[in-house]
Amino acid sequence: MQDNKIEKLGRMVKTARKEQGLTQGQLAAVSGVGTRFIRELEQGKTSCHIGKALAVVAMLGLDITIGGDAL
């Protein structure tokens, strides 16, 4: 069940990145992470570091709500 949420987050990141016309490399550079991290995040890898994932999500302007609290 957790994997589905991670995969959904990855799909959301990929969609937002493409809508904003960014390559994985460009998104990595402006988010302060590596291109490999972006690729793995978009693929829904469970090994992604949550702090880095949140930095990417914030850069793309996406909102995440957990238990009613926005991050």
N, C-alpha and C. Protein backbone atom coordinates (compact mmCIF):
# COMPACT_ATOMS: atom_id res chain seq x y z
N MET A 1 0.82 -1.19 0.00
CA MET A 1 0.00 0.00 0.00
C MET A 1 0.87 1.26 0.00
N GLN A 2 1.92 1.30 0.80
CA GLN A 2 2.83 2.44 0.85
C GLN A 2 3.48 2.67 -0.51
N ASP A 3 3.83 1.58 -1.20
CA ASP A 3 4.47 1.71 -2.50
C ASP A 3 3.58 2.47 -3.47
N ASN A 4 2.27 2.25 -3.42
CA ASN A 4 1.36 2.96 -4.32
C ASN A 4 1.41 4.46 -4.10
N LYS A 5 1.55 4.89 -2.85
CA LYS A 5 1.63 6.32 -2.55
C LYS A 5 2.93 6.91 -3.08
N ILE A 6 4.01 6.18 -2.94
CA ILE A 6 5.30 6.65 -3.44
C ILE A 6 5.27 6.72 -4.97
N GLU A 7 4.67 5.72 -5.59
CA GLU A 7 4.55 5.74 -7.05
C GLU A 7 3.67 6.90 -7.51
N LYS A 8 2.61 7.17 -6.77
CA LYS A 8 1.73 8.30 -7.11
C LYS A 8 2.48 9.62 -6.99
N LEU A 9 3.26 9.79 -5.93
CA LEU A 9 4.07 10.99 -5.78
C LEU A 9 5.03 11.13 -6.95
N GLY A 10 5.65 10.04 -7.34
CA GLY A 10 6.57 10.06 -8.48
C GLY A 10 5.88 10.49 -9.76
N ARG A 11 4.69 9.98 -9.99
CA ARG A 11 3.93 10.37 -11.18
C ARG A 11 3.57 11.85 -11.14
N MET A 12 3.20 12.34 -9.95
CA MET A 12 2.86 13.76 -9.80
C MET A 12 4.06 14.65 -10.10
N VAL A 13 5.23 14.25 -9.58
CA VAL A 13 6.45 15.02 -9.82
C VAL A 13 6.77 15.03 -11.30
N LYS A 14 6.71 13.88 -11.94
CA LYS A 14 7.03 13.79 -13.36
C LYS A 14 6.08 14.64 -14.20
N THR A 15 4.79 14.57 -13.90
CA THR A 15 3.81 15.36 -14.63
C THR A 15 4.07 16.85 -14.46
N ALA A 16 4.29 17.28 -13.22
CA ALA A 16 4.54 18.70 -12.96
C ALA A 16 5.83 19.17 -13.64
N ARG A 17 6.85 18.33 -13.60
CA ARG A 17 8.13 18.69 -14.24
C ARG A 17 7.92 18.91 -15.73
N LYS A 18 7.22 17.99 -16.37
CA LYS A 18 6.99 18.10 -17.81
C LYS A 18 6.11 19.30 -18.14
N GLU A 19 5.09 19.54 -17.32
CA GLU A 19 4.21 20.70 -17.56
C GLU A 19 4.99 22.00 -17.48
N GLN A 20 6.03 22.03 -16.64
CA GLN A 20 6.84 23.23 -16.48
C GLN A 20 8.01 23.27 -17.47
N GLY A 21 8.08 22.28 -18.34
CA GLY A 21 9.08 22.27 -19.40
C GLY A 21 10.50 22.03 -18.90
N LEU A 22 10.63 21.30 -17.80
CA LEU A 22 11.95 21.03 -17.24
C LEU A 22 12.42 19.62 -17.56
N THR A 23 13.71 19.48 -17.80
CA THR A 23 14.30 18.15 -17.90
C THR A 23 14.58 17.66 -16.49
N GLN A 24 14.88 16.38 -16.36
CA GLN A 24 15.25 15.87 -15.05
C GLN A 24 16.50 16.58 -14.53
N GLY A 25 17.44 16.86 -15.41
CA GLY A 25 18.67 17.54 -15.02
C GLY A 25 18.41 18.95 -14.54
N GLN A 26 17.54 19.66 -15.22
CA GLN A 26 17.21 21.03 -14.81
C GLN A 26 16.51 21.05 -13.46
N LEU A 27 15.56 20.14 -13.28
CA LEU A 27 14.85 20.07 -12.00
C LEU A 27 15.82 19.71 -10.87
N ALA A 28 16.72 18.81 -11.15
CA ALA A 28 17.72 18.43 -10.14
C ALA A 28 18.56 19.64 -9.74
N ALA A 29 18.99 20.40 -10.72
CA ALA A 29 19.86 21.55 -10.45
C ALA A 29 19.16 22.61 -9.60
N VAL A 30 17.93 22.94 -9.93
CA VAL A 30 17.23 23.98 -9.18
C VAL A 30 16.73 23.48 -7.81
N SER A 31 16.65 22.17 -7.65
CA SER A 31 16.20 21.60 -6.38
C SER A 31 17.35 21.24 -5.45
N GLY A 32 18.57 21.27 -5.97
CA GLY A 32 19.73 20.94 -5.15
C GLY A 32 19.92 19.45 -4.92
N VAL A 33 19.44 18.64 -5.86
CA VAL A 33 19.62 17.20 -5.76
C VAL A 33 20.24 16.70 -7.06
N GLY A 34 20.57 15.43 -7.11
CA GLY A 34 21.16 14.85 -8.30
C GLY A 34 20.11 14.37 -9.30
N THR A 35 20.52 14.26 -10.55
CA THR A 35 19.63 13.77 -11.60
C THR A 35 19.15 12.36 -11.29
N ARG A 36 20.02 11.53 -10.75
CA ARG A 36 19.65 10.16 -10.41
C ARG A 36 18.52 10.16 -9.38
N PHE A 37 18.59 11.09 -8.42
CA PHE A 37 17.52 11.17 -7.42
C PHE A 37 16.19 11.48 -8.09
N ILE A 38 16.17 12.44 -9.01
CA ILE A 38 14.93 12.79 -9.70
C ILE A 38 14.39 11.59 -10.45
N ARG A 39 15.25 10.88 -11.15
CA ARG A 39 14.84 9.70 -11.90
C ARG A 39 14.21 8.66 -10.96
N GLU A 40 14.86 8.40 -9.84
CA GLU A 40 14.36 7.40 -8.90
C GLU A 40 13.06 7.87 -8.22
N LEU A 41 12.96 9.16 -7.94
CA LEU A 41 11.74 9.70 -7.36
C LEU A 41 10.58 9.51 -8.33
N GLU A 42 10.80 9.85 -9.59
CA GLU A 42 9.75 9.71 -10.60
C GLU A 42 9.36 8.26 -10.82
N GLN A 43 10.28 7.35 -10.59
CA GLN A 43 10.00 5.92 -10.75
C GLN A 43 9.34 5.33 -9.51
N GLY A 44 9.21 6.11 -8.45
CA GLY A 44 8.57 5.64 -7.24
C GLY A 44 9.42 4.71 -6.40
N LYS A 45 10.75 4.87 -6.50
CA LYS A 45 11.66 4.05 -5.70
C LYS A 45 11.44 4.33 -4.22
N THR A 46 11.36 3.31 -3.43
CA THR A 46 11.12 3.47 -2.00
C THR A 46 12.34 3.95 -1.25
N SER A 47 13.49 3.96 -1.89
CA SER A 47 14.72 4.38 -1.22
C SER A 47 14.92 5.89 -1.22
N CYS A 48 14.00 6.64 -1.81
CA CYS A 48 14.14 8.09 -1.89
C CYS A 48 14.14 8.72 -0.50
N HIS A 49 15.01 9.66 -0.29
CA HIS A 49 15.11 10.41 0.96
C HIS A 49 13.99 11.44 1.01
N ILE A 50 13.18 11.41 2.06
CA ILE A 50 11.99 12.25 2.12
C ILE A 50 12.32 13.74 2.10
N GLY A 51 13.40 14.15 2.73
CA GLY A 51 13.77 15.56 2.73
C GLY A 51 14.06 16.07 1.34
N LYS A 52 14.77 15.29 0.56
CA LYS A 52 15.06 15.66 -0.82
C LYS A 52 13.78 15.67 -1.65
N ALA A 53 12.93 14.68 -1.42
CA ALA A 53 11.67 14.60 -2.16
C ALA A 53 10.82 15.84 -1.89
N LEU A 54 10.78 16.27 -0.64
CA LEU A 54 9.99 17.46 -0.30
C LEU A 54 10.57 18.71 -0.93
N ALA A 55 11.89 18.79 -1.06
CA ALA A 55 12.52 19.95 -1.72
C ALA A 55 12.10 20.02 -3.19
N VAL A 56 12.07 18.87 -3.85
CA VAL A 56 11.67 18.81 -5.26
C VAL A 56 10.20 19.19 -5.39
N VAL A 57 9.36 18.63 -4.54
CA VAL A 57 7.93 18.91 -4.56
C VAL A 57 7.68 20.41 -4.36
N ALA A 58 8.38 21.01 -3.40
CA ALA A 58 8.21 22.44 -3.13
C ALA A 58 8.64 23.27 -4.33
N MET A 59 9.75 22.90 -4.98
CA MET A 59 10.24 23.66 -6.13
C MET A 59 9.21 23.64 -7.26
N LEU A 60 8.49 22.53 -7.40
CA LEU A 60 7.50 22.41 -8.45
C LEU A 60 6.17 23.06 -8.07
N GLY A 61 6.06 23.53 -6.84
CA GLY A 61 4.84 24.19 -6.40
C GLY A 61 3.70 23.24 -6.07
N LEU A 62 4.04 21.98 -5.80
CA LEU A 62 3.02 20.99 -5.45
C LEU A 62 2.76 21.05 -3.96
N ASP A 63 1.54 20.75 -3.55
CA ASP A 63 1.18 20.72 -2.14
C ASP A 63 0.98 19.27 -1.71
N ILE A 64 1.47 18.96 -0.52
CA ILE A 64 1.28 17.64 0.07
C ILE A 64 0.59 17.84 1.40
N THR A 65 -0.45 17.05 1.63
CA THR A 65 -1.17 17.11 2.90
C THR A 65 -1.09 15.74 3.55
N ILE A 66 -0.70 15.74 4.81
CA ILE A 66 -0.63 14.51 5.60
C ILE A 66 -1.47 14.70 6.84
N GLY A 67 -2.48 13.87 6.97
CA GLY A 67 -3.34 13.98 8.15
C GLY A 67 -3.98 15.35 8.30
N GLY A 68 -4.25 16.02 7.21
CA GLY A 68 -4.86 17.32 7.26
C GLY A 68 -3.89 18.48 7.38
N ASP A 69 -2.60 18.18 7.58
CA ASP A 69 -1.58 19.23 7.70
C ASP A 69 -0.80 19.33 6.39
N ALA A 70 -0.73 20.52 5.84
CA ALA A 70 0.04 20.75 4.62
C ALA A 70 1.52 20.83 4.94
N LEU A 71 2.33 20.27 4.08
CA LEU A 71 3.78 20.34 4.25
C LEU A 71 4.36 21.44 3.38
